[in-house]
Amino acid sequence: MHKANVKITGLAVLLVSLAACGDDPKASGPQVAALPGASTSASAGPAASSNTADRQLPLGASKQEIDRLYDAYYACWTQHGVPSAPGKGENGGPLLSYKMDEKKYQPAVDACADKEPLGPPELDPHQNPNYADDLREQLQCLRDQGLPMEIRQGGTDNATIWVAPETKANLEKANSDAGMEIQRQCEISAFTQR
């Protein structure tokens, strides 16, 4: 209902999951572009508040950690008037309602900006000077583990990892429990500073 394919273990995986929904990586912008007003930086301006630590995702976050933060975030949306659109599994909920009428629901989303989950600083190219090298290392790890992936440029300066080619079989492999764990471990391995 609430996750917009948040079968992820990190922000790069979020984009992999969104690819399964047909989102265009070039249109998706920053790494959490599927989430309106998203920022990967803890110092993202006026919306950043004292509860930043409560909404900061750690590197290699588990599905449960991610779900917990997004459950709270989307609950805020519904409290501010975004209905939960019917949909199958994770394809319904307030995010679908928002996408169907962004102009109407943007004020509710803006009201919840201080609850929006923040990506790990390691995955923010503005905070991690080694981001490009780390991303290439993550890609190599994923390929070594048999996941068909590639780096694609998204938004202004964000490059992310996507399933490629985006066949049903490759997407299912990447989004399987085993594939998600491989992605989580490769993210941790590549982005942990040595």
Protein backbone atom coordinates (compact mmCIF):
# COMPACT_ATOMS: atom_id res chain seq x y z
CA MET A 1 0.00 0.00 0.00
CA HIS A 2 2.56 2.58 1.03
CA LYS A 3 5.92 1.84 -0.34
CA ALA A 4 6.02 2.71 -4.04
CA ASN A 5 8.11 -0.35 -4.61
CA VAL A 6 10.23 0.34 -1.58
CA LYS A 7 11.53 -3.22 -1.71
CA ILE A 8 14.88 -1.67 -1.19
CA THR A 9 17.88 -1.72 0.94
CA GLY A 10 19.31 1.58 -0.13
CA LEU A 11 18.52 4.49 -2.35
CA ALA A 12 20.19 2.98 -5.38
CA VAL A 13 17.94 -0.01 -4.98
CA LEU A 14 14.93 2.28 -4.81
CA LEU A 15 15.66 3.28 -8.36
CA VAL A 16 16.03 -0.35 -9.39
CA SER A 17 12.61 -1.02 -7.93
CA LEU A 18 11.10 2.02 -9.62
CA ALA A 19 12.39 0.69 -12.91
CA ALA A 20 10.12 -2.27 -12.34
CA CYS A 21 7.21 0.20 -12.28
CA GLY A 22 8.30 1.76 -15.54
CA ASP A 23 9.63 5.06 -14.20
CA ASP A 24 12.14 6.72 -16.51
CA PRO A 25 15.54 7.13 -14.83
CA LYS A 26 16.26 10.31 -16.77
CA ALA A 27 13.02 11.83 -15.50
CA SER A 28 13.49 10.65 -11.95
CA GLY A 29 16.11 13.21 -10.95
CA PRO A 30 17.82 12.74 -7.62
CA GLN A 31 18.11 9.33 -6.07
CA VAL A 32 14.82 9.58 -4.24
CA ALA A 33 13.07 11.48 -6.96
CA ALA A 34 10.02 9.23 -6.82
CA LEU A 35 9.34 10.86 -3.50
CA PRO A 36 8.28 14.47 -3.91
CA GLY A 37 10.67 17.00 -2.44
CA ALA A 38 13.11 14.27 -1.51
CA SER A 39 16.64 15.03 -0.48
CA THR A 40 19.54 12.81 0.33
CA SER A 41 21.19 15.45 2.46
CA ALA A 42 20.52 15.81 6.16
CA SER A 43 21.12 19.54 5.78
CA ALA A 44 18.58 19.97 3.00
CA GLY A 45 17.46 23.41 4.05
CA PRO A 46 14.46 24.64 6.02
CA ALA A 47 12.66 21.29 5.95
CA ALA A 48 15.51 19.72 7.89
CA SER A 49 14.58 19.65 11.54
CA SER A 50 15.73 18.40 14.89
CA ASN A 51 14.29 14.95 14.13
CA THR A 52 16.83 14.37 11.35
CA ALA A 53 18.36 11.44 13.22
CA ASP A 54 14.93 9.84 13.51
CA ARG A 55 14.52 9.80 9.74
CA GLN A 56 18.10 9.14 8.62
CA LEU A 57 18.47 5.80 6.85
CA PRO A 58 21.73 4.03 7.61
CA LEU A 59 23.95 2.65 4.87
CA GLY A 60 22.65 -0.80 3.98
CA ALA A 61 19.30 -0.21 5.70
CA SER A 62 17.12 -3.28 6.00
CA LYS A 63 13.70 -3.47 4.36
CA GLN A 64 12.17 -3.22 7.85
CA GLU A 65 14.10 -0.02 8.64
CA ILE A 66 13.07 1.52 5.34
CA ASP A 67 9.44 0.44 5.70
CA ARG A 68 9.24 1.86 9.22
CA LEU A 69 10.38 5.31 8.12
CA TYR A 70 8.22 5.37 5.00
CA ASP A 71 5.18 4.12 6.93
CA ALA A 72 5.49 7.17 9.20
CA TYR A 73 6.08 9.49 6.26
CA TYR A 74 3.06 8.28 4.28
CA ALA A 75 0.91 8.25 7.43
CA CYS A 76 1.65 11.97 7.67
CA TRP A 77 0.49 12.41 4.08
CA THR A 78 -2.84 10.73 4.85
CA GLN A 79 -3.23 12.84 8.01
CA HIS A 80 -2.88 15.90 5.77
CA GLY A 81 -5.47 14.73 3.24
CA VAL A 82 -3.77 12.46 0.71
CA PRO A 83 -6.06 9.44 0.34
CA SER A 84 -4.76 5.92 -0.15
CA ALA A 85 -5.54 5.04 -3.74
CA PRO A 86 -6.52 1.42 -4.27
CA GLY A 87 -3.87 -0.71 -5.88
CA LYS A 88 -2.37 -4.14 -5.77
CA GLY A 89 0.30 -4.71 -3.15
CA GLU A 90 2.80 -1.87 -2.99
CA ASN A 91 1.43 -0.10 -6.06
CA GLY A 92 -1.42 1.63 -4.23
CA GLY A 93 -1.57 4.00 -1.31
CA PRO A 94 -0.92 7.71 -0.85
CA LEU A 95 2.03 7.82 -3.27
CA LEU A 96 -0.22 6.64 -6.10
CA SER A 97 -2.83 9.24 -5.10
CA TYR A 98 -0.14 11.92 -5.14
CA LYS A 99 1.12 10.87 -8.58
CA MET A 100 -2.44 10.99 -9.93
CA ASP A 101 -2.92 14.63 -8.83
CA GLU A 102 0.39 16.16 -7.75
CA LYS A 103 -0.87 19.74 -7.78
CA LYS A 104 -3.80 18.94 -5.49
CA TYR A 105 -1.76 16.98 -2.92
CA GLN A 106 1.52 18.93 -2.95
CA PRO A 107 0.53 21.06 0.10
CA ALA A 108 0.02 17.86 2.15
CA VAL A 109 3.35 16.50 0.99
CA ASP A 110 5.05 19.79 1.82
CA ALA A 111 3.52 19.69 5.31
CA CYS A 112 5.28 16.35 5.88
CA ALA A 113 8.71 17.38 4.60
CA ASP A 114 10.19 17.13 8.10
CA LYS A 115 9.22 13.44 8.23
CA GLU A 116 10.64 12.46 4.85
CA PRO A 117 13.29 9.74 5.18
CA LEU A 118 16.81 10.86 4.38
CA GLY A 119 19.18 8.69 2.43
CA PRO A 120 22.52 7.64 3.84
CA PRO A 121 25.09 10.44 3.50
CA GLU A 122 27.44 7.95 1.85
CA LEU A 123 25.00 7.74 -1.08
CA ASP A 124 24.89 11.51 -1.57
CA PRO A 125 27.44 12.67 -4.17
CA HIS A 126 27.45 16.10 -2.49
CA GLN A 127 28.56 14.61 0.84
CA ASN A 128 30.71 11.72 -0.38
CA PRO A 129 33.69 12.84 -2.47
CA ASN A 130 34.30 9.17 -3.39
CA TYR A 131 30.75 8.61 -4.64
CA ALA A 132 31.63 7.86 -8.28
CA ASP A 133 34.37 5.40 -7.35
CA ASP A 134 32.17 3.78 -4.69
CA LEU A 135 29.32 3.43 -7.18
CA ARG A 136 31.60 1.71 -9.71
CA GLU A 137 32.80 -0.61 -6.93
CA GLN A 138 29.20 -1.42 -6.02
CA LEU A 139 28.38 -2.14 -9.66
CA GLN A 140 31.31 -4.54 -9.95
CA CYS A 141 30.23 -6.33 -6.78
CA LEU A 142 26.67 -6.70 -8.13
CA ARG A 143 27.90 -8.04 -11.44
CA ASP A 144 30.30 -10.42 -9.69
CA GLN A 145 27.28 -11.78 -7.80
CA GLY A 146 25.36 -12.32 -11.05
CA LEU A 147 23.02 -9.33 -11.01
CA PRO A 148 22.69 -7.67 -14.42
CA MET A 149 23.13 -3.98 -13.65
CA GLU A 150 24.53 -0.80 -15.14
CA ILE A 151 25.18 2.77 -14.04
CA ARG A 152 22.84 5.37 -15.50
CA GLN A 153 22.97 9.10 -15.18
CA GLY A 154 19.94 10.52 -13.40
CA GLY A 155 18.98 14.09 -12.71
CA THR A 156 21.67 16.73 -12.62
CA ASP A 157 24.69 14.97 -11.17
CA ASN A 158 23.39 11.75 -9.67
CA ALA A 159 24.36 8.47 -11.24
CA THR A 160 22.60 5.37 -9.99
CA ILE A 161 22.53 1.64 -10.56
CA TRP A 162 19.72 0.11 -12.61
CA VAL A 163 18.79 -3.37 -13.75
CA ALA A 164 19.94 -3.78 -17.34
CA PRO A 165 18.56 -5.05 -19.53
CA GLU A 166 15.21 -4.44 -17.84
CA THR A 167 13.67 -7.78 -18.66
CA LYS A 168 11.06 -9.34 -16.41
CA ALA A 169 13.52 -12.10 -15.43
CA ASN A 170 16.28 -9.62 -14.55
CA LEU A 171 13.91 -7.43 -12.54
CA GLU A 172 12.57 -10.45 -10.65
CA LYS A 173 16.13 -11.59 -9.91
CA ALA A 174 17.15 -8.15 -8.63
CA ASN A 175 13.97 -7.75 -6.55
CA SER A 176 14.03 -11.24 -5.06
CA ASP A 177 14.98 -11.61 -1.41
CA ALA A 178 18.38 -12.99 -2.44
CA GLY A 179 18.89 -10.18 -4.96
CA MET A 180 17.97 -7.55 -2.41
CA GLU A 181 20.42 -8.98 0.10
CA ILE A 182 23.19 -9.01 -2.53
CA GLN A 183 22.43 -5.35 -3.28
CA ARG A 184 22.48 -4.48 0.41
CA GLN A 185 25.80 -6.22 1.01
CA CYS A 186 27.41 -4.70 -2.11
CA GLU A 187 26.22 -1.23 -1.07
CA ILE A 188 27.71 -1.64 2.39
CA SER A 189 30.97 -3.04 1.01
CA ALA A 190 31.41 -0.37 -1.65
CA PHE A 191 30.40 2.70 0.34
CA THR A 192 32.01 1.91 3.68
CA GLN A 193 35.08 4.12 3.91
CA ARG A 194 38.25 2.20 4.54
